[in-house]
C-alpha atoms as a PDB file:
ATOM      1  CA  MET A   1       3.647  -7.506 -19.779  1.00  0.00           C
ATOM      2  CA  ARG A   2       1.180  -8.946 -17.374  1.00  0.00           C
ATOM      3  CA  LYS A   3       1.094  -9.297 -13.594  1.00  0.00           C
ATOM      4  CA  THR A   4      -0.017 -12.565 -11.902  1.00  0.00           C
ATOM      5  CA  SER A   5      -0.314 -13.591  -8.523  1.00  0.00           C
ATOM      6  CA  ILE A   6       0.253 -16.879  -6.486  1.00  0.00           C
ATOM      7  CA  LEU A   7      -2.015 -18.160  -3.760  1.00  0.00           C
ATOM      8  CA  SER A   8      -3.981 -15.029  -3.330  1.00  0.00           C
ATOM      9  CA  ARG A   9      -7.756 -14.679  -3.115  1.00  0.00           C
ATOM     10  CA  GLY A  10      -9.660 -12.118  -4.027  1.00  0.00           C
ATOM     11  CA  LEU A  11      -8.780  -8.480  -4.917  1.00  0.00           C
ATOM     12  CA  VAL A  12      -5.011  -7.799  -5.526  1.00  0.00           C
ATOM     13  CA  LEU A  13      -4.385  -3.986  -5.628  1.00  0.00           C
ATOM     14  CA  MET A  14      -1.273  -3.213  -7.601  1.00  0.00           C
ATOM     15  CA  LEU A  15       0.387   0.462  -7.483  1.00  0.00           C
ATOM     16  CA  PRO A  16       3.619   1.919  -8.732  1.00  0.00           C
ATOM     17  CA  VAL A  17       5.930   2.603  -5.841  1.00  0.00           C
ATOM     18  CA  VAL A  18       8.508   5.440  -6.136  1.00  0.00           C
ATOM     19  CA  ALA A  19      10.605   6.009  -3.474  1.00  0.00           C
ATOM     20  CA  ALA A  20      14.237   6.744  -3.213  1.00  0.00           C
ATOM     21  CA  ILE A  21      15.731   8.352   0.076  1.00  0.00           C
ATOM     22  CA  ALA A  22      19.535   8.623   0.532  1.00  0.00           C
ATOM     23  CA  ALA A  23      20.481  10.011   3.569  1.00  0.00           C
ATOM     24  CA  ALA A  24      22.988   9.553   6.707  1.00  0.00           C
ATOM     25  CA  VAL A  25      21.656   9.262  10.160  1.00  0.00           C
ATOM     26  CA  PRO A  26      23.475   8.643  13.519  1.00  0.00           C
ATOM     27  CA  ALA A  27      22.401   5.205  15.074  1.00  0.00           C
ATOM     28  CA  SER A  28      21.907   7.126  18.421  1.00  0.00           C
ATOM     29  CA  ALA A  29      20.682  10.162  19.260  1.00  0.00           C
ATOM     30  CA  ALA A  30      23.875  11.266  20.928  1.00  0.00           C
ATOM     31  CA  ALA A  31      27.222  11.328  19.309  1.00  0.00           C
ATOM     32  CA  GLY A  32      30.119  10.205  20.813  1.00  0.00           C
ATOM     33  CA  PRO A  33      32.916   7.724  20.341  1.00  0.00           C
ATOM     34  CA  ALA A  34      30.430   4.742  19.976  1.00  0.00           C
ATOM     35  CA  THR A  35      28.328   6.485  17.115  1.00  0.00           C
ATOM     36  CA  ARG A  36      27.646   4.631  14.208  1.00  0.00           C
ATOM     37  CA  TRP A  37      26.497   6.218  11.182  1.00  0.00           C
ATOM     38  CA  LEU A  38      24.404   4.486   8.522  1.00  0.00           C
ATOM     39  CA  THR A  39      23.375   5.059   5.372  1.00  0.00           C
ATOM     40  CA  VAL A  40      20.555   4.598   3.415  1.00  0.00           C
ATOM     41  CA  ASN A  41      21.366   4.242  -0.325  1.00  0.00           C
ATOM     42  CA  ALA A  42      18.306   4.839  -3.476  1.00  0.00           C
ATOM     43  CA  ASP A  43      18.244   1.235  -3.862  1.00  0.00           C
ATOM     44  CA  HIS A  44      17.151   0.583   0.188  1.00  0.00           C
ATOM     45  CA  SER A  45      20.704  -1.004   0.755  1.00  0.00           C
ATOM     46  CA  VAL A  46      22.562   0.165   4.009  1.00  0.00           C
ATOM     47  CA  SER A  47      26.024   1.045   4.340  1.00  0.00           C
ATOM     48  CA  ALA A  48      27.777   2.068   7.781  1.00  0.00           C
ATOM     49  CA  ALA A  49      31.169   3.945   8.917  1.00  0.00           C
ATOM     50  CA  ASP A  50      32.106   1.417  12.103  1.00  0.00           C
ATOM     51  CA  THR A  51      32.927   3.487  14.937  1.00  0.00           C
ATOM     52  CA  GLY A  52      30.570   1.588  17.403  1.00  0.00           C
ATOM     53  CA  SER A  53      28.600  -1.797  17.857  1.00  0.00           C
ATOM     54  CA  ALA A  54      27.420  -3.947  14.897  1.00  0.00           C
ATOM     55  CA  VAL A  55      24.454  -2.895  12.814  1.00  0.00           C
ATOM     56  CA  THR A  56      21.511  -5.622  13.305  1.00  0.00           C
ATOM     57  CA  PRO A  57      20.255  -5.977   9.562  1.00  0.00           C
ATOM     58  CA  LEU A  58      16.260  -6.293   8.988  1.00  0.00           C
ATOM     59  CA  ALA A  59      14.523  -9.483   9.535  1.00  0.00           C
ATOM     60  CA  LEU A  60      14.085 -11.728   6.404  1.00  0.00           C
ATOM     61  CA  THR A  61      10.327 -12.138   5.849  1.00  0.00           C
ATOM     62  CA  SER A  62      10.947 -13.671   1.999  1.00  0.00           C
ATOM     63  CA  TYR A  63      13.429 -14.738  -0.323  1.00  0.00           C
ATOM     64  CA  ILE A  64      13.398 -16.151  -3.868  1.00  0.00           C
ATOM     65  CA  SER A  65      15.880 -18.426  -4.852  1.00  0.00           C
ATOM     66  CA  ASN A  66      17.088 -18.858  -8.523  1.00  0.00           C
ATOM     67  CA  GLU A  67      17.696 -22.831  -9.565  1.00  0.00           C
ATOM     68  CA  ASN A  68      18.804 -21.820 -13.000  1.00  0.00           C
ATOM     69  CA  THR A  69      22.009 -21.876 -14.854  1.00  0.00           C
ATOM     70  CA  ILE A  70      20.773 -18.184 -15.960  1.00  0.00           C
ATOM     71  CA  GLY A  71      19.989 -14.789 -14.116  1.00  0.00           C
ATOM     72  CA  ILE A  72      16.148 -14.048 -13.634  1.00  0.00           C
ATOM     73  CA  GLY A  73      14.503 -10.769 -12.813  1.00  0.00           C
ATOM     74  CA  VAL A  74      13.419  -9.983  -9.153  1.00  0.00           C
ATOM     75  CA  SER A  75      12.091  -6.985  -6.914  1.00  0.00           C
ATOM     76  CA  ARG A  76      11.506  -6.261  -3.434  1.00  0.00           C
ATOM     77  CA  ASP A  77       9.099  -3.443  -4.324  1.00  0.00           C
ATOM     78  CA  ASN A  78       6.184  -3.780  -6.690  1.00  0.00           C
ATOM     79  CA  VAL A  79       7.739  -1.741  -9.608  1.00  0.00           C
ATOM     80  CA  ALA A  80       6.630  -0.568 -13.139  1.00  0.00           C
ATOM     81  CA  GLY A  81       8.603  -2.005 -15.543  1.00  0.00           C
ATOM     82  CA  GLY A  82       9.002  -6.013 -14.412  1.00  0.00           C
ATOM     83  CA  TYR A  83      11.645  -6.317 -11.935  1.00  0.00           C
ATOM     84  CA  GLN A  84      14.388  -3.890  -9.935  1.00  0.00           C
ATOM     85  CA  ALA A  85      17.268  -6.632 -10.232  1.00  0.00           C
ATOM     86  CA  ILE A  86      19.062  -9.541 -11.882  1.00  0.00           C
ATOM     87  CA  LEU A  87      19.439 -12.505  -9.481  1.00  0.00           C
ATOM     88  CA  PRO A  88      22.146 -14.488 -10.757  1.00  0.00           C
ATOM     89  CA  ALA A  89      22.096 -18.315 -11.511  1.00  0.00           C
ATOM     90  CA  HIS A  90      22.008 -20.562  -8.319  1.00  0.00           C
ATOM     91  CA  ARG A  91      21.520 -17.340  -5.620  1.00  0.00           C
ATOM     92  CA  ARG A  92      18.843 -16.091  -3.435  1.00  0.00           C
ATOM     93  CA  THR A  93      17.680 -12.796  -2.950  1.00  0.00           C
ATOM     94  CA  ASP A  94      18.601 -12.942   0.742  1.00  0.00           C
ATOM     95  CA  GLY A  95      22.210 -13.396  -0.071  1.00  0.00           C
ATOM     96  CA  SER A  96      24.949 -12.246  -2.401  1.00  0.00           C
ATOM     97  CA  PRO A  97      24.971  -9.890  -4.478  1.00  0.00           C
ATOM     98  CA  LEU A  98      21.457  -8.605  -2.933  1.00  0.00           C
ATOM     99  CA  TYR A  99      21.407  -9.115   0.337  1.00  0.00           C
ATOM    100  CA  TRP A 100      17.498  -8.146   0.334  1.00  0.00           C
ATOM    101  CA  SER A 101      15.329  -8.800   3.546  1.00  0.00           C
ATOM    102  CA  ARG A 102      12.447  -9.374   1.278  1.00  0.00           C
ATOM    103  CA  ALA A 103      11.475 -10.281  -2.447  1.00  0.00           C
ATOM    104  CA  VAL A 104       8.034  -9.678  -3.873  1.00  0.00           C
ATOM    105  CA  SER A 105       8.083 -10.745  -7.629  1.00  0.00           C
ATOM    106  CA  PHE A 106      10.314 -12.554 -10.261  1.00  0.00           C
ATOM    107  CA  TYR A 107      10.024 -11.811 -13.855  1.00  0.00           C
ATOM    108  CA  ILE A 108      10.255 -14.482 -16.860  1.00  0.00           C
ATOM    109  CA  GLY A 109      10.959 -12.395 -20.139  1.00  0.00           C
ATOM    110  CA  ALA A 110       9.210 -12.886 -23.493  1.00  0.00           C
ATOM    111  CA  GLY A 111       9.986 -16.529 -25.090  1.00  0.00           C
ATOM    112  CA  GLY A 112      10.874 -18.295 -21.562  1.00  0.00           C
ATOM    113  CA  CYS A 113       8.753 -20.388 -19.079  1.00  0.00           C
ATOM    114  CA  ALA A 114       9.890 -21.633 -15.895  1.00  0.00           C
ATOM    115  CA  ASP A 115       8.281 -23.375 -13.087  1.00  0.00           C
ATOM    116  CA  ALA A 116       7.795 -21.966  -9.205  1.00  0.00           C
ATOM    117  CA  LYS A 117       7.247 -23.729  -6.085  1.00  0.00           C
ATOM    118  CA  TYR A 118       7.062 -22.682  -2.196  1.00  0.00           C
ATOM    119  CA  PHE A 119       7.730 -23.962   0.782  1.00  0.00           C
ATOM    120  CA  ALA A 120       5.091 -24.850   3.517  1.00  0.00           C
ATOM    121  CA  SER A 121       4.555 -27.698   5.837  1.00  0.00           C
ATOM    122  CA  GLY A 122       8.266 -28.893   5.694  1.00  0.00           C
ATOM    123  CA  ALA A 123       7.947 -29.589   1.914  1.00  0.00           C
ATOM    124  CA  TRP A 124       8.225 -27.513  -1.348  1.00  0.00           C
ATOM    125  CA  ARG A 125       5.031 -27.380  -3.191  1.00  0.00           C
ATOM    126  CA  PRO A 126       4.399 -26.661  -6.778  1.00  0.00           C
ATOM    127  CA  ALA A 127       3.138 -23.156  -7.504  1.00  0.00           C
ATOM    128  CA  GLY A 128       2.595 -23.514 -11.459  1.00  0.00           C
ATOM    129  CA  SER A 129       4.546 -23.126 -14.568  1.00  0.00           C
ATOM    130  CA  PHE A 130       4.751 -19.421 -16.262  1.00  0.00           C
ATOM    131  CA  ARG A 131       5.438 -18.475 -20.040  1.00  0.00           C
ATOM    132  CA  GLY A 132       6.865 -14.956 -20.188  1.00  0.00           C
ATOM    133  CA  PRO A 133       6.723 -11.871 -20.605  1.00  0.00           C
ATOM    134  CA  VAL A 134       5.079 -11.987 -17.050  1.00  0.00           C
ATOM    135  CA  GLU A 135       5.950 -10.374 -13.576  1.00  0.00           C
ATOM    136  CA  VAL A 136       5.069 -13.080 -10.821  1.00  0.00           C
ATOM    137  CA  LEU A 137       3.938 -11.829  -7.438  1.00  0.00           C
ATOM    138  CA  THR A 138       4.872 -13.898  -4.790  1.00  0.00           C
ATOM    139  CA  ASP A 139       2.828 -14.035  -1.800  1.00  0.00           C
ATOM    140  CA  GLN A 140       4.492 -12.816   1.289  1.00  0.00           C
ATOM    141  CA  THR A 141       2.328 -14.833   3.967  1.00  0.00           C
ATOM    142  CA  ILE A 142       2.252 -18.558   3.606  1.00  0.00           C
ATOM    143  CA  PRO A 143       0.693 -20.143   6.529  1.00  0.00           C
ATOM    144  CA  GLY A 144       2.874 -21.707   9.254  1.00  0.00           C
ATOM    145  CA  GLU A 145       5.559 -20.328   7.904  1.00  0.00           C
ATOM    146  CA  SER A 146       7.847 -17.089   9.438  1.00  0.00           C
ATOM    147  CA  VAL A 147       9.508 -16.704   5.819  1.00  0.00           C
ATOM    148  CA  ALA A 148       7.641 -17.119   2.639  1.00  0.00           C
ATOM    149  CA  ARG A 149      10.280 -19.230   0.613  1.00  0.00           C
ATOM    150  CA  TRP A 150       9.854 -19.197  -3.088  1.00  0.00           C
ATOM    151  CA  ALA A 151      12.082 -21.121  -5.652  1.00  0.00           C
ATOM    152  CA  VAL A 152      12.414 -20.744  -9.410  1.00  0.00           C
ATOM    153  CA  SER A 153      13.359 -23.430 -11.761  1.00  0.00           C
ATOM    154  CA  ASN A 154      13.217 -25.363 -15.074  1.00  0.00           C
ATOM    155  CA  HIS A 155      13.674 -21.744 -17.074  1.00  0.00           C
ATOM    156  CA  ARG A 156      13.665 -22.710 -20.706  1.00  0.00           C
ATOM    157  CA  ALA A 157      12.693 -21.581 -23.919  1.00  0.00           C
ATOM    158  CA  CYS A 158       8.716 -21.951 -24.947  1.00  0.00           C
END
């Protein structure tokens, strides 16, 4: 498998990330009737025991939209192995079932090809066609955009 980065200029450093933290912490320092307990799971998802105010989700920084009729591999961290989850057809990484606040790459398997595009200056712009097996690293900063928006479409055999 190879990795490629979109839009990047210069040196790209790729390191494996190994982190799994499972803990329960109170949302406030003072325990009481308004305490809200958050549990950070090994996959970085958060669940809460509701005894107080609502939990504020992390701000959305990037997403990948799967515009295909089959699932594609996606990652929110740069990990070995190509992808962390399968994003179902016609879904985005910031929605059901993943609810990620960022997505850093998508994966196209062996024998497959797909096209990618990103949103900038009010329009979707082509980012290229990719032949698998490949993990495509998506830029997390797009000039003029507060959220890096990516879409993968036209998945086909090649």
